[in-house]
N, C-alpha and C. Protein backbone atom coordinates (compact mmCIF):
# COMPACT_ATOMS: atom_id res chain seq x y z
N MET A 1 33.60 14.96 -16.94
CA MET A 1 32.39 14.15 -17.19
C MET A 1 32.28 13.03 -16.17
N LYS A 2 33.43 12.37 -15.79
CA LYS A 2 33.38 11.29 -14.82
C LYS A 2 32.88 11.86 -13.48
N ALA A 3 33.38 13.03 -13.07
CA ALA A 3 32.99 13.65 -11.80
C ALA A 3 31.49 13.91 -11.78
N CYS A 4 30.95 14.37 -12.90
CA CYS A 4 29.51 14.67 -12.98
C CYS A 4 28.69 13.40 -12.86
N CYS A 5 29.09 12.31 -13.50
CA CYS A 5 28.37 11.06 -13.40
C CYS A 5 28.48 10.50 -11.98
N TYR A 6 29.63 10.65 -11.39
CA TYR A 6 29.82 10.16 -10.01
C TYR A 6 28.91 10.93 -9.07
N ALA A 7 28.88 12.27 -9.20
CA ALA A 7 28.03 13.09 -8.36
C ALA A 7 26.54 12.73 -8.52
N LEU A 8 26.13 12.48 -9.77
CA LEU A 8 24.75 12.05 -10.00
C LEU A 8 24.47 10.73 -9.35
N ALA A 9 25.38 9.78 -9.44
CA ALA A 9 25.18 8.44 -8.82
C ALA A 9 25.12 8.59 -7.28
N VAL A 10 25.86 9.47 -6.71
CA VAL A 10 25.77 9.69 -5.27
C VAL A 10 24.44 10.30 -4.86
N VAL A 11 23.99 11.29 -5.65
CA VAL A 11 22.70 11.89 -5.36
C VAL A 11 21.59 10.87 -5.47
N LEU A 12 21.57 10.04 -6.48
CA LEU A 12 20.56 9.07 -6.67
C LEU A 12 20.59 8.02 -5.56
N ALA A 13 21.80 7.62 -5.15
CA ALA A 13 21.93 6.63 -4.08
C ALA A 13 21.38 7.21 -2.75
N VAL A 14 21.73 8.45 -2.44
CA VAL A 14 21.24 9.06 -1.19
C VAL A 14 19.74 9.23 -1.31
N ALA A 15 19.19 9.66 -2.39
CA ALA A 15 17.75 9.86 -2.53
C ALA A 15 17.06 8.49 -2.38
N GLY A 16 17.64 7.47 -2.90
CA GLY A 16 17.01 6.11 -2.81
C GLY A 16 16.97 5.61 -1.42
N THR A 17 17.96 5.91 -0.60
CA THR A 17 18.01 5.41 0.78
C THR A 17 17.19 6.31 1.70
N ALA A 18 16.99 7.54 1.32
CA ALA A 18 16.21 8.45 2.17
C ALA A 18 14.79 8.03 2.34
N LEU A 19 14.21 7.43 1.29
CA LEU A 19 12.82 7.00 1.36
C LEU A 19 12.74 5.60 0.88
N ALA A 20 13.42 4.65 1.54
CA ALA A 20 13.40 3.25 1.14
C ALA A 20 12.07 2.59 1.49
N ALA A 21 11.42 3.10 2.53
CA ALA A 21 10.11 2.48 2.97
C ALA A 21 9.07 2.83 1.96
N GLU A 22 8.07 2.00 1.87
CA GLU A 22 6.91 2.20 0.99
C GLU A 22 5.65 2.16 1.84
N HIS A 23 4.58 2.81 1.35
CA HIS A 23 3.33 2.76 2.05
C HIS A 23 2.76 1.33 2.05
N THR A 24 2.08 1.02 3.05
CA THR A 24 1.49 -0.32 3.20
C THR A 24 0.39 -0.58 2.15
N ASP A 25 0.26 -1.84 1.83
CA ASP A 25 -0.88 -2.24 0.93
C ASP A 25 -2.10 -2.62 1.78
N ASP A 26 -1.93 -2.62 3.10
CA ASP A 26 -3.10 -3.01 3.95
C ASP A 26 -4.25 -2.00 3.72
N SER A 27 -5.44 -2.53 3.55
CA SER A 27 -6.57 -1.65 3.36
C SER A 27 -6.89 -0.99 4.72
N LEU A 28 -7.66 0.11 4.65
CA LEU A 28 -8.02 0.76 5.90
C LEU A 28 -8.94 -0.08 6.72
N ASP A 29 -9.73 -0.97 6.07
CA ASP A 29 -10.53 -1.92 6.85
C ASP A 29 -9.67 -2.89 7.62
N LYS A 30 -8.60 -3.38 6.96
CA LYS A 30 -7.68 -4.29 7.59
C LYS A 30 -6.97 -3.56 8.77
N VAL A 31 -6.59 -2.31 8.56
CA VAL A 31 -5.93 -1.54 9.59
C VAL A 31 -6.90 -1.48 10.83
N GLN A 32 -8.14 -1.12 10.61
CA GLN A 32 -9.11 -1.00 11.68
C GLN A 32 -9.35 -2.34 12.41
N ARG A 33 -9.40 -3.43 11.59
CA ARG A 33 -9.55 -4.76 12.23
C ARG A 33 -8.35 -5.09 13.12
N ASN A 34 -7.15 -4.86 12.59
CA ASN A 34 -5.90 -5.17 13.35
C ASN A 34 -5.86 -4.33 14.64
N LEU A 35 -6.28 -3.10 14.56
CA LEU A 35 -6.31 -2.23 15.75
C LEU A 35 -7.34 -2.76 16.74
N ALA A 36 -8.54 -3.13 16.29
CA ALA A 36 -9.62 -3.61 17.11
C ALA A 36 -9.19 -4.93 17.80
N GLU A 37 -8.48 -5.74 17.08
CA GLU A 37 -8.04 -7.05 17.63
C GLU A 37 -6.74 -6.98 18.38
N LYS A 38 -6.22 -5.78 18.60
CA LYS A 38 -5.00 -5.53 19.36
C LYS A 38 -3.78 -6.18 18.72
N LYS A 39 -3.86 -6.37 17.43
CA LYS A 39 -2.70 -6.88 16.68
C LYS A 39 -1.78 -5.75 16.23
N ALA A 40 -2.23 -4.54 16.40
CA ALA A 40 -1.49 -3.36 15.87
C ALA A 40 -1.60 -2.16 16.80
N LEU A 41 -0.69 -1.29 16.64
CA LEU A 41 -0.68 0.05 17.22
C LEU A 41 -0.75 1.10 16.16
N LEU A 42 -1.33 2.26 16.47
CA LEU A 42 -1.38 3.37 15.53
C LEU A 42 -0.61 4.48 16.12
N ILE A 43 0.41 4.96 15.40
CA ILE A 43 1.15 6.11 15.90
C ILE A 43 1.02 7.24 14.91
N ASP A 44 0.98 8.46 15.51
CA ASP A 44 0.90 9.70 14.74
C ASP A 44 2.27 10.32 14.84
N VAL A 45 2.92 10.50 13.67
CA VAL A 45 4.29 11.00 13.66
C VAL A 45 4.33 12.55 13.44
N ARG A 46 3.13 13.18 13.50
CA ARG A 46 3.12 14.62 13.40
C ARG A 46 3.72 15.27 14.61
N GLU A 47 3.92 16.52 14.63
CA GLU A 47 4.50 17.24 15.75
C GLU A 47 3.44 17.60 16.77
N PRO A 48 3.84 17.85 18.02
CA PRO A 48 2.86 18.12 19.09
C PRO A 48 1.86 19.20 18.80
N ASP A 49 2.25 20.29 18.08
CA ASP A 49 1.32 21.37 17.80
C ASP A 49 0.20 20.88 16.80
N GLU A 50 0.59 20.02 15.93
CA GLU A 50 -0.41 19.44 15.01
C GLU A 50 -1.35 18.52 15.77
N TRP A 51 -0.82 17.69 16.67
CA TRP A 51 -1.56 16.74 17.49
C TRP A 51 -2.60 17.49 18.31
N LYS A 52 -2.23 18.63 18.89
CA LYS A 52 -3.13 19.43 19.73
C LYS A 52 -4.34 19.95 18.97
N ARG A 53 -4.17 20.17 17.67
CA ARG A 53 -5.27 20.66 16.86
C ARG A 53 -6.26 19.57 16.48
N GLY A 54 -5.95 18.33 16.79
CA GLY A 54 -6.86 17.21 16.53
C GLY A 54 -6.03 15.95 16.22
N HIS A 55 -6.50 14.85 16.76
CA HIS A 55 -5.83 13.57 16.54
C HIS A 55 -6.80 12.43 16.64
N LEU A 56 -6.39 11.27 16.14
CA LEU A 56 -7.24 10.07 16.18
C LEU A 56 -7.24 9.50 17.59
N LYS A 57 -8.39 8.98 17.96
CA LYS A 57 -8.62 8.49 19.31
C LYS A 57 -7.66 7.34 19.63
N GLN A 58 -7.41 6.46 18.65
CA GLN A 58 -6.61 5.25 18.88
C GLN A 58 -5.10 5.53 18.76
N ALA A 59 -4.69 6.68 18.36
CA ALA A 59 -3.29 6.95 18.06
C ALA A 59 -2.50 7.33 19.30
N GLN A 60 -1.21 7.05 19.19
CA GLN A 60 -0.21 7.53 20.14
C GLN A 60 0.62 8.56 19.44
N LEU A 61 1.03 9.61 20.12
CA LEU A 61 1.87 10.61 19.50
C LEU A 61 3.32 10.14 19.68
N VAL A 62 4.01 10.01 18.52
CA VAL A 62 5.42 9.70 18.47
C VAL A 62 6.00 10.58 17.31
N PRO A 63 6.28 11.84 17.64
CA PRO A 63 6.73 12.80 16.63
C PRO A 63 7.99 12.33 15.84
N LEU A 64 8.01 12.61 14.55
CA LEU A 64 9.13 12.26 13.73
C LEU A 64 10.40 12.90 14.28
N SER A 65 10.31 14.10 14.86
CA SER A 65 11.49 14.72 15.44
C SER A 65 12.07 13.90 16.54
N GLU A 66 11.29 13.22 17.36
CA GLU A 66 11.77 12.33 18.41
C GLU A 66 12.39 11.09 17.79
N LEU A 67 11.74 10.52 16.81
CA LEU A 67 12.30 9.35 16.12
C LEU A 67 13.66 9.64 15.58
N LYS A 68 13.86 10.80 15.06
CA LYS A 68 15.17 11.18 14.48
C LYS A 68 16.23 11.33 15.58
N GLN A 69 15.83 11.59 16.79
CA GLN A 69 16.79 11.77 17.91
C GLN A 69 17.15 10.42 18.55
N MET A 70 16.42 9.34 18.22
CA MET A 70 16.62 8.09 18.89
C MET A 70 18.04 7.57 18.79
N SER A 71 18.73 7.77 17.67
CA SER A 71 20.04 7.20 17.51
C SER A 71 21.10 7.96 18.31
N SER A 72 20.86 9.22 18.62
CA SER A 72 21.84 10.02 19.31
C SER A 72 21.52 10.26 20.76
N ASP A 73 20.26 10.01 21.19
CA ASP A 73 19.86 10.27 22.56
C ASP A 73 19.21 9.08 23.18
N PRO A 74 19.96 8.32 24.06
CA PRO A 74 19.44 7.11 24.66
C PRO A 74 18.10 7.38 25.48
N ALA A 75 17.99 8.51 26.08
CA ALA A 75 16.78 8.83 26.85
C ALA A 75 15.54 8.91 25.94
N VAL A 76 15.70 9.55 24.76
CA VAL A 76 14.61 9.66 23.81
C VAL A 76 14.28 8.24 23.28
N ARG A 77 15.33 7.45 22.99
CA ARG A 77 15.11 6.10 22.48
C ARG A 77 14.30 5.24 23.51
N ALA A 78 14.73 5.34 24.75
CA ALA A 78 14.02 4.58 25.85
C ALA A 78 12.57 5.01 25.95
N LYS A 79 12.33 6.29 25.83
CA LYS A 79 10.95 6.87 25.95
C LYS A 79 10.08 6.31 24.80
N VAL A 80 10.63 6.35 23.56
CA VAL A 80 9.89 5.92 22.43
C VAL A 80 9.62 4.43 22.51
N GLU A 81 10.69 3.66 22.79
CA GLU A 81 10.57 2.21 22.77
C GLU A 81 9.65 1.72 23.91
N LYS A 82 9.52 2.49 24.96
CA LYS A 82 8.62 2.10 26.09
C LYS A 82 7.14 1.97 25.59
N ASN A 83 6.79 2.79 24.68
CA ASN A 83 5.40 2.80 24.22
C ASN A 83 5.13 1.98 22.95
N LEU A 84 6.14 1.40 22.39
CA LEU A 84 5.98 0.54 21.17
C LEU A 84 6.22 -0.91 21.48
N SER A 85 5.70 -1.76 20.63
CA SER A 85 5.86 -3.20 20.82
C SER A 85 6.31 -3.85 19.52
N LYS A 86 7.33 -4.67 19.63
CA LYS A 86 7.81 -5.39 18.42
C LYS A 86 6.93 -6.59 18.13
N GLU A 87 6.00 -6.91 19.02
CA GLU A 87 5.07 -8.03 18.82
C GLU A 87 3.82 -7.60 18.04
N ARG A 88 3.67 -6.31 17.83
CA ARG A 88 2.50 -5.81 17.12
C ARG A 88 2.93 -5.07 15.87
N ILE A 89 2.01 -5.00 14.93
CA ILE A 89 2.21 -4.19 13.71
C ILE A 89 2.12 -2.71 14.21
N ILE A 90 2.93 -1.88 13.63
CA ILE A 90 2.85 -0.48 13.91
C ILE A 90 2.46 0.24 12.62
N TYR A 91 1.22 0.76 12.65
CA TYR A 91 0.74 1.63 11.56
C TYR A 91 1.14 3.07 11.95
N CYS A 92 1.66 3.81 11.04
CA CYS A 92 1.92 5.22 11.35
C CYS A 92 1.29 6.11 10.31
N HIS A 93 0.86 7.26 10.78
CA HIS A 93 0.26 8.24 9.88
C HIS A 93 0.77 9.62 10.26
N CYS A 94 0.57 10.56 9.35
CA CYS A 94 0.97 11.94 9.50
C CYS A 94 -0.10 12.79 8.87
N ALA A 95 0.24 14.00 8.42
CA ALA A 95 -0.79 14.84 7.82
C ALA A 95 -1.07 14.45 6.34
N SER A 96 -0.06 14.05 5.65
CA SER A 96 -0.22 13.77 4.20
C SER A 96 0.36 12.48 3.73
N GLY A 97 0.99 11.70 4.57
CA GLY A 97 1.53 10.41 4.14
C GLY A 97 2.96 10.46 3.69
N PHE A 98 3.62 11.59 3.89
CA PHE A 98 5.05 11.70 3.47
C PHE A 98 6.02 11.42 4.65
N ARG A 99 5.80 12.05 5.80
CA ARG A 99 6.72 11.89 6.92
C ARG A 99 6.74 10.42 7.43
N VAL A 100 5.67 9.68 7.18
CA VAL A 100 5.62 8.30 7.65
C VAL A 100 6.71 7.43 7.01
N LEU A 101 7.14 7.79 5.81
CA LEU A 101 8.17 7.02 5.17
C LEU A 101 9.52 7.13 5.91
N SER A 102 9.81 8.33 6.35
CA SER A 102 11.05 8.52 7.17
C SER A 102 10.91 7.78 8.48
N ALA A 103 9.72 7.89 9.08
CA ALA A 103 9.46 7.22 10.38
C ALA A 103 9.60 5.68 10.20
N ALA A 104 9.07 5.17 9.09
CA ALA A 104 9.16 3.75 8.86
C ALA A 104 10.59 3.26 8.68
N ASP A 105 11.39 4.05 8.00
CA ASP A 105 12.81 3.72 7.86
C ASP A 105 13.45 3.63 9.23
N ILE A 106 13.25 4.57 10.06
CA ILE A 106 13.88 4.60 11.41
C ILE A 106 13.43 3.37 12.21
N LEU A 107 12.09 3.16 12.32
CA LEU A 107 11.60 2.08 13.11
C LEU A 107 11.90 0.70 12.52
N GLY A 108 11.88 0.62 11.22
CA GLY A 108 12.18 -0.60 10.52
C GLY A 108 13.61 -1.10 10.82
N LYS A 109 14.55 -0.15 10.90
CA LYS A 109 15.89 -0.49 11.18
C LYS A 109 16.08 -1.03 12.64
N LEU A 110 15.13 -0.68 13.49
CA LEU A 110 15.16 -1.11 14.91
C LEU A 110 14.36 -2.43 15.06
N GLY A 111 13.85 -3.02 14.01
CA GLY A 111 13.18 -4.28 14.07
C GLY A 111 11.67 -4.30 14.25
N TYR A 112 11.04 -3.12 14.06
CA TYR A 112 9.64 -3.07 14.14
C TYR A 112 8.94 -3.41 12.85
N ASP A 113 7.75 -4.03 12.90
CA ASP A 113 6.97 -4.25 11.74
C ASP A 113 6.13 -3.04 11.52
N VAL A 114 6.68 -2.05 10.82
CA VAL A 114 6.04 -0.77 10.65
C VAL A 114 5.45 -0.66 9.25
N ARG A 115 4.20 -0.23 9.17
CA ARG A 115 3.49 -0.13 7.91
C ARG A 115 2.93 1.28 7.77
N PRO A 116 3.62 2.16 7.06
CA PRO A 116 3.20 3.52 6.90
C PRO A 116 1.92 3.61 6.06
N LEU A 117 1.03 4.44 6.51
CA LEU A 117 -0.25 4.70 5.79
C LEU A 117 -0.06 5.86 4.87
N SER A 118 -0.57 5.71 3.68
CA SER A 118 -0.52 6.82 2.70
C SER A 118 -1.61 7.83 2.98
N SER A 119 -2.64 7.41 3.72
CA SER A 119 -3.75 8.30 4.10
C SER A 119 -3.29 9.17 5.23
N GLY A 120 -3.56 10.48 5.10
CA GLY A 120 -3.19 11.40 6.15
C GLY A 120 -4.32 11.52 7.17
N PHE A 121 -4.08 12.37 8.17
CA PHE A 121 -5.02 12.51 9.27
C PHE A 121 -6.44 12.78 8.82
N SER A 122 -6.62 13.74 7.91
CA SER A 122 -7.96 14.12 7.47
C SER A 122 -8.59 12.93 6.68
N ASP A 123 -7.84 12.26 5.87
CA ASP A 123 -8.36 11.09 5.16
C ASP A 123 -8.80 10.01 6.10
N LEU A 124 -8.03 9.76 7.13
CA LEU A 124 -8.39 8.70 8.10
C LEU A 124 -9.65 9.12 8.84
N GLN A 125 -9.75 10.34 9.17
CA GLN A 125 -10.93 10.85 9.86
C GLN A 125 -12.17 10.67 9.01
N GLU A 126 -12.08 11.01 7.71
CA GLU A 126 -13.19 10.86 6.78
C GLU A 126 -13.50 9.41 6.53
N SER A 127 -12.58 8.50 6.73
CA SER A 127 -12.77 7.05 6.50
C SER A 127 -13.34 6.34 7.74
N GLY A 128 -13.65 7.11 8.77
CA GLY A 128 -14.32 6.56 9.92
C GLY A 128 -13.45 6.28 11.14
N PHE A 129 -12.20 6.63 11.07
CA PHE A 129 -11.34 6.47 12.25
C PHE A 129 -11.78 7.52 13.29
N PRO A 130 -12.09 7.07 14.50
CA PRO A 130 -12.63 8.08 15.48
C PRO A 130 -11.58 9.09 15.92
N VAL A 131 -12.06 10.32 16.06
CA VAL A 131 -11.21 11.42 16.47
C VAL A 131 -11.38 11.63 17.97
N ALA A 132 -10.27 11.87 18.67
CA ALA A 132 -10.36 12.12 20.12
C ALA A 132 -11.06 13.47 20.36
N GLU A 133 -11.77 13.50 21.44
CA GLU A 133 -12.42 14.77 21.84
C GLU A 133 -11.40 15.73 22.33
N GLN A 134 -11.53 17.00 21.98
CA GLN A 134 -10.62 18.01 22.41
C GLN A 134 -11.08 18.54 23.79
N PRO A 135 -10.13 18.83 24.67
CA PRO A 135 -10.57 19.35 26.01
C PRO A 135 -11.14 20.71 25.88
């Protein structure tokens, strides 16, 4: 019985730390204002194949797969950090609002003010965020 309780406690602890970040309370209007005033950056943590099918005009591509490599690969970390700023808010989005929580955990541990959006790419597009033209 003790082993079972211990195993459950470990599972709950791991699950709790896996998604410690929470979606931002900032409204989409506030997000757009902060982007327009250059107080924030918008990053898309989807993968390159998703990005190529359509992306927001203001967003930078920073795939979650690269963020996960930052701790083990200094070259990847340097590449990612070159395009981000600790002086600005970083809003991140993905397809459905789930991957951004992992991205926020990674970036938050590095000292970024990261605010994951619960709205996915399609929702942001429908809310008036401009979409980049496809070549």
